[in-house]
């Protein structure tokens, strides 16, 4: 057998103290938990029309508009008027049904839900193609998604939009 060849790893930059940087990062997280919002008022968070549907983002990691004690979450409401857009992404998230009833088509299988239910999207190698439907168009149908983003990062999450919601298509 041949000998393994090891390449020399680069030396740390002079003056860069990884331990000190780590402590600074953790201290900033701790301070965030003491100083930022612990309650977000729904009436202060705007609805927006996106490809996926009518959404209200309470917490969104990429924008961090909410200045909350939580940093690594996406938490949002979706108001399903008729149906959402269809898209594919990795599962591993929870959707709590706040109001109304409907169903989700996940990889071709229909899953029914109603207010008070918790829908869990499974983790699959190629993600889950899914779309959400309001059982009674014209009546309120709202759910809230809870996504822990570092977990999604490790799963290699990417959103592949297959179709847009009817409300989004009407904007064009």
N, C-alpha and C. Protein backbone atom coordinates (compact mmCIF):
# COMPACT_ATOMS: atom_id res chain seq x y z
N UNK A 1 0.83 -1.18 0.00
CA UNK A 1 0.00 0.00 0.00
C UNK A 1 0.88 1.24 0.00
N UNK A 2 0.36 2.27 -0.71
CA UNK A 2 1.08 3.54 -0.74
C UNK A 2 0.84 4.34 0.52
N UNK A 3 1.77 5.21 0.79
CA UNK A 3 1.62 6.06 1.96
C UNK A 3 0.66 7.20 1.67
N UNK A 4 -0.15 7.57 2.68
CA UNK A 4 -1.05 8.71 2.54
C UNK A 4 -0.23 9.98 2.52
N UNK A 5 -0.59 10.88 1.64
CA UNK A 5 0.11 12.15 1.54
C UNK A 5 -0.75 13.20 2.24
N UNK A 6 -0.12 13.93 3.11
CA UNK A 6 -0.85 14.97 3.82
C UNK A 6 -0.27 16.33 3.42
N UNK A 7 -1.17 17.20 3.02
CA UNK A 7 -0.77 18.55 2.65
C UNK A 7 -0.79 19.42 3.90
N UNK A 8 0.19 20.25 4.02
CA UNK A 8 0.26 21.13 5.19
C UNK A 8 -0.92 22.09 5.18
N UNK A 9 -1.56 22.21 6.32
CA UNK A 9 -2.69 23.13 6.46
C UNK A 9 -2.14 24.53 6.66
N UNK A 10 -2.88 25.55 6.15
CA UNK A 10 -2.38 26.91 6.30
C UNK A 10 -2.33 27.33 7.77
N UNK A 11 -1.35 28.13 8.07
CA UNK A 11 -1.22 28.66 9.43
C UNK A 11 -2.33 29.68 9.66
N UNK A 12 -2.82 29.78 10.91
CA UNK A 12 -3.80 30.83 11.19
C UNK A 12 -3.18 32.21 10.97
N UNK A 13 -4.03 33.15 10.57
CA UNK A 13 -3.54 34.51 10.35
C UNK A 13 -2.96 35.05 11.65
N UNK A 14 -1.88 35.79 11.56
CA UNK A 14 -1.31 36.36 12.79
C UNK A 14 -2.34 37.24 13.48
N UNK A 15 -2.45 37.08 14.77
CA UNK A 15 -3.36 37.91 15.56
C UNK A 15 -4.80 37.41 15.60
N UNK A 16 -5.15 36.40 14.80
CA UNK A 16 -6.52 35.89 14.82
C UNK A 16 -6.61 34.80 15.88
N UNK A 17 -7.41 35.05 16.87
CA UNK A 17 -7.58 34.15 17.99
C UNK A 17 -8.97 33.51 17.88
N UNK A 18 -8.99 32.26 17.41
CA UNK A 18 -10.28 31.60 17.18
C UNK A 18 -11.08 31.47 18.47
N UNK A 19 -10.43 31.25 19.57
CA UNK A 19 -11.13 31.13 20.85
C UNK A 19 -11.79 32.46 21.20
N UNK A 20 -11.08 33.55 21.04
CA UNK A 20 -11.64 34.86 21.36
C UNK A 20 -12.79 35.20 20.41
N UNK A 21 -12.64 34.87 19.11
CA UNK A 21 -13.70 35.13 18.14
C UNK A 21 -14.95 34.32 18.49
N UNK A 22 -14.73 33.08 18.90
CA UNK A 22 -15.85 32.23 19.30
C UNK A 22 -16.59 32.80 20.50
N UNK A 23 -15.84 33.27 21.48
CA UNK A 23 -16.45 33.88 22.67
C UNK A 23 -17.22 35.15 22.30
N UNK A 24 -16.66 35.94 21.38
CA UNK A 24 -17.32 37.17 20.95
C UNK A 24 -18.66 36.83 20.27
N UNK A 25 -18.64 35.81 19.42
CA UNK A 25 -19.85 35.38 18.73
C UNK A 25 -20.92 34.91 19.72
N UNK A 26 -20.52 34.06 20.68
CA UNK A 26 -21.47 33.55 21.66
C UNK A 26 -21.99 34.67 22.56
N UNK A 27 -21.14 35.62 22.90
CA UNK A 27 -21.58 36.75 23.71
C UNK A 27 -22.63 37.57 22.95
N UNK A 28 -22.42 37.78 21.66
CA UNK A 28 -23.38 38.53 20.85
C UNK A 28 -24.72 37.80 20.78
N UNK A 29 -24.69 36.48 20.66
CA UNK A 29 -25.94 35.70 20.68
C UNK A 29 -26.66 35.85 22.00
N UNK A 30 -25.90 35.79 23.08
CA UNK A 30 -26.48 35.93 24.42
C UNK A 30 -27.10 37.31 24.59
N UNK A 31 -26.39 38.35 24.16
CA UNK A 31 -26.91 39.71 24.25
C UNK A 31 -28.19 39.86 23.43
N UNK A 32 -28.21 39.22 22.27
CA UNK A 32 -29.41 39.26 21.43
C UNK A 32 -30.61 38.72 22.20
N UNK A 33 -30.41 37.67 22.97
CA UNK A 33 -31.53 37.07 23.70
C UNK A 33 -32.02 37.97 24.83
N UNK A 34 -31.20 38.89 25.28
CA UNK A 34 -31.62 39.82 26.34
C UNK A 34 -32.22 41.11 25.79
N UNK A 35 -31.83 41.49 24.58
CA UNK A 35 -32.18 42.82 24.10
C UNK A 35 -33.27 42.85 23.03
N UNK A 36 -33.47 41.77 22.31
CA UNK A 36 -34.38 41.82 21.17
C UNK A 36 -35.78 41.33 21.53
N UNK A 37 -36.67 41.45 20.58
CA UNK A 37 -38.09 41.18 20.77
C UNK A 37 -38.37 39.72 21.12
N UNK A 38 -39.26 39.53 22.10
CA UNK A 38 -39.74 38.20 22.45
C UNK A 38 -41.21 38.04 22.04
N UNK A 39 -41.87 39.14 21.71
CA UNK A 39 -43.25 39.10 21.23
C UNK A 39 -43.30 39.88 19.93
N UNK A 40 -43.88 39.28 18.91
CA UNK A 40 -44.07 39.95 17.63
C UNK A 40 -45.58 40.12 17.43
N UNK A 41 -46.01 41.33 17.25
CA UNK A 41 -47.43 41.64 17.07
C UNK A 41 -47.84 41.38 15.63
N UNK A 42 -48.82 40.52 15.45
CA UNK A 42 -49.26 40.16 14.10
C UNK A 42 -49.68 41.34 13.27
N UNK A 43 -50.35 42.33 13.89
CA UNK A 43 -50.80 43.49 13.12
C UNK A 43 -49.64 44.37 12.65
N UNK A 44 -48.45 44.16 13.21
CA UNK A 44 -47.28 44.95 12.81
C UNK A 44 -46.46 44.26 11.71
N UNK A 45 -46.85 43.04 11.37
CA UNK A 45 -46.11 42.29 10.34
C UNK A 45 -46.96 42.29 9.06
N UNK A 46 -46.42 42.81 7.96
CA UNK A 46 -47.22 42.91 6.74
C UNK A 46 -47.37 41.58 5.99
N UNK A 47 -48.50 41.42 5.32
CA UNK A 47 -48.68 40.32 4.39
C UNK A 47 -47.96 40.69 3.09
N UNK A 48 -47.48 39.70 2.38
CA UNK A 48 -46.87 39.94 1.08
C UNK A 48 -47.30 38.83 0.12
N UNK A 49 -47.41 39.18 -1.14
CA UNK A 49 -47.77 38.19 -2.15
C UNK A 49 -46.50 37.68 -2.79
N UNK A 50 -46.26 36.39 -2.68
CA UNK A 50 -45.07 35.76 -3.25
C UNK A 50 -45.50 34.64 -4.19
N UNK A 51 -44.54 34.04 -4.86
CA UNK A 51 -44.86 32.94 -5.78
C UNK A 51 -45.61 31.83 -5.08
N UNK A 52 -45.27 31.58 -3.83
CA UNK A 52 -45.87 30.48 -3.11
C UNK A 52 -47.27 30.82 -2.59
N UNK A 53 -47.58 32.12 -2.45
CA UNK A 53 -48.89 32.52 -1.97
C UNK A 53 -48.80 33.77 -1.12
N UNK A 54 -49.86 34.01 -0.34
CA UNK A 54 -49.92 35.17 0.54
C UNK A 54 -49.24 34.81 1.86
N UNK A 55 -48.14 35.50 2.18
CA UNK A 55 -47.29 35.13 3.31
C UNK A 55 -47.09 36.30 4.27
N UNK A 56 -46.91 35.97 5.54
CA UNK A 56 -46.58 36.95 6.57
C UNK A 56 -45.39 36.40 7.35
N UNK A 57 -44.19 36.97 7.09
CA UNK A 57 -42.96 36.50 7.73
C UNK A 57 -42.76 37.17 9.08
N UNK A 58 -42.86 36.40 10.14
CA UNK A 58 -42.56 36.91 11.47
C UNK A 58 -41.05 36.92 11.70
N UNK A 59 -40.40 35.84 11.32
CA UNK A 59 -38.95 35.74 11.44
C UNK A 59 -38.44 35.16 10.12
N UNK A 60 -37.38 35.77 9.60
CA UNK A 60 -36.78 35.29 8.36
C UNK A 60 -35.28 35.53 8.46
N UNK A 61 -34.53 34.46 8.53
CA UNK A 61 -33.10 34.56 8.79
C UNK A 61 -32.35 35.44 7.80
N UNK A 62 -32.65 35.30 6.53
CA UNK A 62 -31.88 36.03 5.53
C UNK A 62 -32.06 37.54 5.63
N UNK A 63 -33.23 38.01 6.04
CA UNK A 63 -33.46 39.45 6.15
C UNK A 63 -33.31 39.95 7.58
N UNK A 64 -33.62 39.12 8.56
CA UNK A 64 -33.54 39.47 9.98
C UNK A 64 -34.22 40.81 10.26
N UNK A 65 -35.31 41.08 9.56
CA UNK A 65 -36.05 42.33 9.75
C UNK A 65 -36.67 42.43 11.13
N UNK A 66 -36.92 41.31 11.74
CA UNK A 66 -37.73 41.31 12.95
C UNK A 66 -36.95 41.61 14.22
N UNK A 67 -35.63 41.52 14.18
CA UNK A 67 -34.82 41.84 15.35
C UNK A 67 -35.31 41.09 16.60
N UNK A 68 -35.40 39.79 16.48
CA UNK A 68 -35.93 38.96 17.57
C UNK A 68 -34.81 38.27 18.33
N UNK A 69 -35.21 37.59 19.41
CA UNK A 69 -34.25 36.83 20.20
C UNK A 69 -33.81 35.57 19.47
N UNK A 70 -34.60 35.12 18.50
CA UNK A 70 -34.24 33.95 17.71
C UNK A 70 -33.59 34.40 16.41
N UNK A 71 -32.53 33.73 16.04
CA UNK A 71 -31.77 34.14 14.86
C UNK A 71 -31.92 33.17 13.71
N UNK A 72 -31.98 31.90 13.98
CA UNK A 72 -31.85 30.88 12.94
C UNK A 72 -33.17 30.19 12.60
N UNK A 73 -34.24 30.95 12.53
CA UNK A 73 -35.54 30.38 12.22
C UNK A 73 -36.19 31.16 11.09
N UNK A 74 -37.03 30.47 10.34
CA UNK A 74 -38.01 31.10 9.46
C UNK A 74 -39.36 30.70 10.05
N UNK A 75 -40.16 31.70 10.39
CA UNK A 75 -41.50 31.46 10.93
C UNK A 75 -42.45 32.36 10.15
N UNK A 76 -43.43 31.76 9.50
CA UNK A 76 -44.35 32.57 8.70
C UNK A 76 -45.73 31.94 8.61
N UNK A 77 -46.73 32.80 8.38
CA UNK A 77 -48.09 32.37 8.10
C UNK A 77 -48.28 32.28 6.60
N UNK A 78 -49.13 31.36 6.18
CA UNK A 78 -49.56 31.33 4.78
C UNK A 78 -51.08 31.32 4.77
N UNK A 79 -51.65 32.26 4.02
CA UNK A 79 -53.10 32.37 3.84
C UNK A 79 -53.42 31.70 2.51
N UNK A 80 -54.02 30.52 2.58
CA UNK A 80 -54.29 29.75 1.37
C UNK A 80 -55.71 30.08 0.90
N UNK A 81 -55.81 30.87 -0.13
CA UNK A 81 -57.12 31.31 -0.62
C UNK A 81 -57.79 30.20 -1.44
N UNK A 82 -57.07 29.65 -2.40
CA UNK A 82 -57.55 28.48 -3.17
C UNK A 82 -56.50 27.38 -3.04
N UNK A 83 -55.29 27.69 -3.54
CA UNK A 83 -54.17 26.76 -3.36
C UNK A 83 -52.87 27.54 -3.47
N UNK A 84 -51.84 26.96 -2.90
CA UNK A 84 -50.51 27.57 -2.95
C UNK A 84 -49.86 27.27 -4.29
N UNK A 85 -48.68 27.80 -4.47
CA UNK A 85 -47.85 27.35 -5.59
C UNK A 85 -47.35 25.95 -5.26
N UNK A 86 -46.85 25.26 -6.25
CA UNK A 86 -46.23 23.95 -6.03
C UNK A 86 -44.73 24.14 -6.04
N UNK A 87 -44.05 23.48 -5.13
CA UNK A 87 -42.59 23.57 -5.10
C UNK A 87 -41.99 22.35 -4.44
N UNK A 88 -40.67 22.23 -4.61
CA UNK A 88 -39.93 21.11 -4.02
C UNK A 88 -38.82 21.68 -3.16
N UNK A 89 -38.71 21.12 -1.97
CA UNK A 89 -37.56 21.39 -1.11
C UNK A 89 -37.48 20.27 -0.09
N UNK A 90 -36.42 20.26 0.66
CA UNK A 90 -36.23 19.22 1.66
C UNK A 90 -37.26 19.39 2.76
N UNK A 91 -37.71 18.28 3.33
CA UNK A 91 -38.65 18.31 4.45
C UNK A 91 -37.91 18.61 5.74
N UNK A 92 -38.45 18.10 6.84
CA UNK A 92 -37.83 18.34 8.14
C UNK A 92 -38.34 19.61 8.77
N UNK A 93 -39.59 19.99 8.48
CA UNK A 93 -40.17 21.19 9.05
C UNK A 93 -41.60 20.92 9.48
N UNK A 94 -42.12 21.79 10.33
CA UNK A 94 -43.48 21.64 10.83
C UNK A 94 -44.38 22.75 10.32
N UNK A 95 -45.63 22.39 10.02
CA UNK A 95 -46.64 23.35 9.60
C UNK A 95 -47.85 23.14 10.52
N UNK A 96 -48.16 24.18 11.32
CA UNK A 96 -49.30 24.12 12.24
C UNK A 96 -50.49 24.81 11.60
N UNK A 97 -51.62 24.12 11.53
CA UNK A 97 -52.82 24.68 10.91
C UNK A 97 -53.55 25.53 11.95
N UNK A 98 -53.61 26.84 11.68
CA UNK A 98 -54.19 27.81 12.61
C UNK A 98 -55.70 27.88 12.42
N UNK A 99 -56.14 27.89 11.17
CA UNK A 99 -57.56 28.12 10.89
C UNK A 99 -57.93 27.44 9.58
N UNK A 100 -59.13 26.89 9.50
CA UNK A 100 -59.63 26.30 8.27
C UNK A 100 -59.25 24.84 8.12
N UNK A 101 -59.48 24.35 6.91
CA UNK A 101 -59.12 22.97 6.60
C UNK A 101 -58.77 22.86 5.13
N UNK A 102 -57.98 21.84 4.84
CA UNK A 102 -57.56 21.63 3.47
C UNK A 102 -56.78 20.35 3.34
N UNK A 103 -55.94 20.31 2.33
CA UNK A 103 -55.10 19.14 2.12
C UNK A 103 -53.81 19.57 1.45
N UNK A 104 -52.83 18.70 1.52
CA UNK A 104 -51.55 18.90 0.87
C UNK A 104 -51.28 17.69 -0.01
N UNK A 105 -50.85 17.94 -1.23
CA UNK A 105 -50.37 16.87 -2.10
C UNK A 105 -48.86 16.85 -1.93
N UNK A 106 -48.32 15.80 -1.36
CA UNK A 106 -46.88 15.65 -1.14
C UNK A 106 -46.40 14.42 -1.90
N UNK A 107 -45.59 14.65 -2.92
CA UNK A 107 -45.10 13.58 -3.80
C UNK A 107 -46.25 12.71 -4.30
N UNK A 108 -47.34 13.38 -4.72
CA UNK A 108 -48.47 12.68 -5.32
C UNK A 108 -49.47 12.09 -4.34
N UNK A 109 -49.20 12.17 -3.04
CA UNK A 109 -50.10 11.60 -2.03
C UNK A 109 -50.84 12.72 -1.30
N UNK A 110 -52.17 12.58 -1.17
CA UNK A 110 -52.98 13.59 -0.49
C UNK A 110 -52.98 13.36 1.02
N UNK A 111 -52.71 14.44 1.75
CA UNK A 111 -52.73 14.42 3.21
C UNK A 111 -53.73 15.49 3.66
N UNK A 112 -54.81 15.09 4.33
CA UNK A 112 -55.83 16.02 4.80
C UNK A 112 -55.44 16.60 6.15
N UNK A 113 -55.84 17.86 6.40
CA UNK A 113 -55.55 18.52 7.67
C UNK A 113 -56.64 19.55 7.97
N UNK A 114 -56.71 19.94 9.26
CA UNK A 114 -57.65 20.96 9.70
C UNK A 114 -57.05 21.71 10.87
N UNK A 115 -57.73 22.80 11.28
CA UNK A 115 -57.24 23.64 12.37
C UNK A 115 -56.86 22.78 13.58
N UNK A 116 -55.69 23.05 14.14
CA UNK A 116 -55.19 22.30 15.29
C UNK A 116 -54.24 21.17 14.92
N UNK A 117 -54.17 20.83 13.64
CA UNK A 117 -53.27 19.75 13.19
C UNK A 117 -51.86 20.27 12.95
N UNK A 118 -50.91 19.35 13.03
CA UNK A 118 -49.51 19.64 12.71
C UNK A 118 -49.10 18.76 11.55
N UNK A 119 -48.72 19.38 10.45
CA UNK A 119 -48.28 18.68 9.25
C UNK A 119 -46.75 18.66 9.26
N UNK A 120 -46.16 17.50 9.08
CA UNK A 120 -44.70 17.36 9.06
C UNK A 120 -44.28 16.89 7.68
N UNK A 121 -43.41 17.66 7.04
CA UNK A 121 -42.90 17.23 5.74
C UNK A 121 -41.69 16.32 5.96
N UNK A 122 -41.69 15.15 5.33
CA UNK A 122 -40.60 14.19 5.56
C UNK A 122 -39.30 14.60 4.89
N UNK A 123 -38.23 14.06 5.41
CA UNK A 123 -36.91 14.27 4.82
C UNK A 123 -36.69 13.15 3.80
N UNK A 124 -36.44 13.54 2.56
CA UNK A 124 -36.22 12.58 1.48
C UNK A 124 -34.99 13.00 0.69
N UNK A 125 -34.28 12.06 0.09
CA UNK A 125 -33.04 12.40 -0.62
C UNK A 125 -33.19 13.52 -1.66
N UNK A 126 -34.30 13.54 -2.39
CA UNK A 126 -34.48 14.56 -3.43
C UNK A 126 -35.51 15.62 -3.05
N UNK A 127 -35.83 15.72 -1.76
CA UNK A 127 -36.81 16.69 -1.32
C UNK A 127 -38.23 16.18 -1.54
N UNK A 128 -39.20 17.05 -1.28
CA UNK A 128 -40.62 16.70 -1.38
C UNK A 128 -41.31 17.74 -2.26
N UNK A 129 -41.95 17.29 -3.34
CA UNK A 129 -42.77 18.18 -4.15
C UNK A 129 -44.12 18.25 -3.45
N UNK A 130 -44.57 19.48 -3.17
CA UNK A 130 -45.84 19.62 -2.44
C UNK A 130 -46.57 20.90 -2.82
N UNK A 131 -47.88 20.86 -2.56
CA UNK A 131 -48.77 21.98 -2.83
C UNK A 131 -49.93 21.89 -1.84
N UNK A 132 -50.36 23.04 -1.33
CA UNK A 132 -51.39 23.09 -0.30
C UNK A 132 -52.70 23.65 -0.87
N UNK A 133 -53.84 23.09 -0.41
CA UNK A 133 -55.15 23.46 -0.93
C UNK A 133 -56.10 23.82 0.20
N UNK A 134 -56.95 24.82 -0.05
CA UNK A 134 -58.03 25.20 0.86
C UNK A 134 -59.26 24.37 0.49
N UNK A 135 -59.79 23.64 1.45
CA UNK A 135 -60.97 22.80 1.18
C UNK A 135 -62.20 23.65 0.89
N UNK A 136 -62.26 24.87 1.42
CA UNK A 136 -63.40 25.74 1.24
C UNK A 136 -62.95 27.12 0.74
N UNK A 137 -62.61 27.22 -0.56
CA UNK A 137 -62.19 28.52 -1.09
C UNK A 137 -63.22 29.59 -0.74
N UNK A 138 -62.73 30.75 -0.35
CA UNK A 138 -63.61 31.83 0.09
C UNK A 138 -63.67 31.91 1.61
N UNK A 139 -63.33 30.82 2.30
CA UNK A 139 -63.23 30.82 3.76
C UNK A 139 -61.76 30.86 4.16
N UNK A 140 -61.50 31.35 5.35
CA UNK A 140 -60.11 31.49 5.80
C UNK A 140 -59.46 30.11 6.00
N UNK A 141 -58.22 30.03 5.54
CA UNK A 141 -57.43 28.81 5.68
C UNK A 141 -55.98 29.26 5.87
N UNK A 142 -55.50 29.17 7.11
CA UNK A 142 -54.18 29.72 7.44
C UNK A 142 -53.37 28.70 8.21
N UNK A 143 -52.11 28.55 7.84
CA UNK A 143 -51.20 27.73 8.63
C UNK A 143 -49.90 28.48 8.87
N UNK A 144 -49.13 28.01 9.84
CA UNK A 144 -47.87 28.64 10.21
C UNK A 144 -46.75 27.61 10.11
N UNK A 145 -45.68 27.98 9.40
CA UNK A 145 -44.52 27.11 9.23
C UNK A 145 -43.43 27.48 10.22
N UNK A 146 -42.74 26.46 10.73
CA UNK A 146 -41.61 26.62 11.64
C UNK A 146 -40.42 25.87 11.04
N UNK A 147 -39.41 26.62 10.63
CA UNK A 147 -38.26 26.03 9.93
C UNK A 147 -36.98 26.44 10.65
N UNK A 148 -36.26 25.45 11.16
CA UNK A 148 -34.97 25.71 11.80
C UNK A 148 -33.92 25.70 10.71
N UNK A 149 -33.45 26.87 10.33
CA UNK A 149 -32.64 27.01 9.12
C UNK A 149 -31.26 26.33 9.16
N UNK A 150 -30.54 26.27 10.29
CA UNK A 150 -29.26 25.53 10.24
C UNK A 150 -29.46 24.07 9.87
N UNK A 151 -30.54 23.48 10.32
CA UNK A 151 -30.87 22.10 9.96
C UNK A 151 -31.08 22.00 8.45
N UNK A 152 -31.83 22.96 7.90
CA UNK A 152 -32.07 22.97 6.45
C UNK A 152 -30.77 23.16 5.68
N UNK A 153 -29.88 24.00 6.21
CA UNK A 153 -28.58 24.21 5.56
C UNK A 153 -27.84 22.88 5.42
N UNK A 154 -27.82 22.11 6.49
CA UNK A 154 -27.10 20.83 6.48
C UNK A 154 -27.75 19.81 5.56
N UNK A 155 -29.07 19.95 5.34
CA UNK A 155 -29.78 19.05 4.42
C UNK A 155 -29.62 19.48 2.96
N UNK A 156 -29.00 20.62 2.75
CA UNK A 156 -28.81 21.11 1.38
C UNK A 156 -30.07 21.66 0.76
N UNK A 157 -30.87 22.36 1.57
CA UNK A 157 -32.16 22.87 1.09
C UNK A 157 -32.00 23.86 -0.05
N UNK A 158 -32.83 23.67 -1.05
CA UNK A 158 -33.00 24.63 -2.14
C UNK A 158 -34.46 24.53 -2.55
N UNK A 159 -35.08 25.65 -2.86
CA UNK A 159 -36.49 25.66 -3.26
C UNK A 159 -36.56 25.67 -4.78
N UNK A 160 -37.26 24.67 -5.32
CA UNK A 160 -37.47 24.53 -6.75
C UNK A 160 -38.95 24.78 -7.01
N UNK A 161 -39.30 26.00 -7.43
CA UNK A 161 -40.70 26.37 -7.65
C UNK A 161 -41.21 25.70 -8.93
N UNK A 162 -42.28 24.94 -8.80
CA UNK A 162 -42.86 24.23 -9.95
C UNK A 162 -43.98 25.05 -10.60
N UNK A 163 -44.77 25.74 -9.77
CA UNK A 163 -45.83 26.62 -10.28
C UNK A 163 -46.11 27.68 -9.22
N UNK A 164 -46.67 28.80 -9.65
CA UNK A 164 -46.97 29.89 -8.72
C UNK A 164 -48.43 29.82 -8.27
N UNK A 165 -48.71 30.47 -7.16
CA UNK A 165 -50.09 30.54 -6.67
C UNK A 165 -50.93 31.36 -7.65
N UNK A 166 -52.25 31.13 -7.70
CA UNK A 166 -53.09 31.89 -8.63
C UNK A 166 -53.02 33.40 -8.37
N UNK A 167 -52.94 33.81 -7.11
CA UNK A 167 -52.87 35.24 -6.78
C UNK A 167 -51.59 35.87 -7.33
N UNK A 168 -50.50 35.14 -7.30
CA UNK A 168 -49.24 35.66 -7.82
C UNK A 168 -49.30 35.77 -9.34
N UNK A 169 -49.91 34.77 -9.99
CA UNK A 169 -50.02 34.78 -11.44
C UNK A 169 -50.87 35.94 -11.92
N UNK A 170 -51.86 36.34 -11.12
CA UNK A 170 -52.74 37.45 -11.50
C UNK A 170 -52.00 38.78 -11.48
N UNK A 171 -50.90 38.86 -10.73
CA UNK A 171 -50.13 40.11 -10.65
C UNK A 171 -49.42 40.43 -11.96
N UNK A 172 -49.08 39.40 -12.71
CA UNK A 172 -48.26 39.59 -13.93
C UNK A 172 -48.97 40.38 -15.00
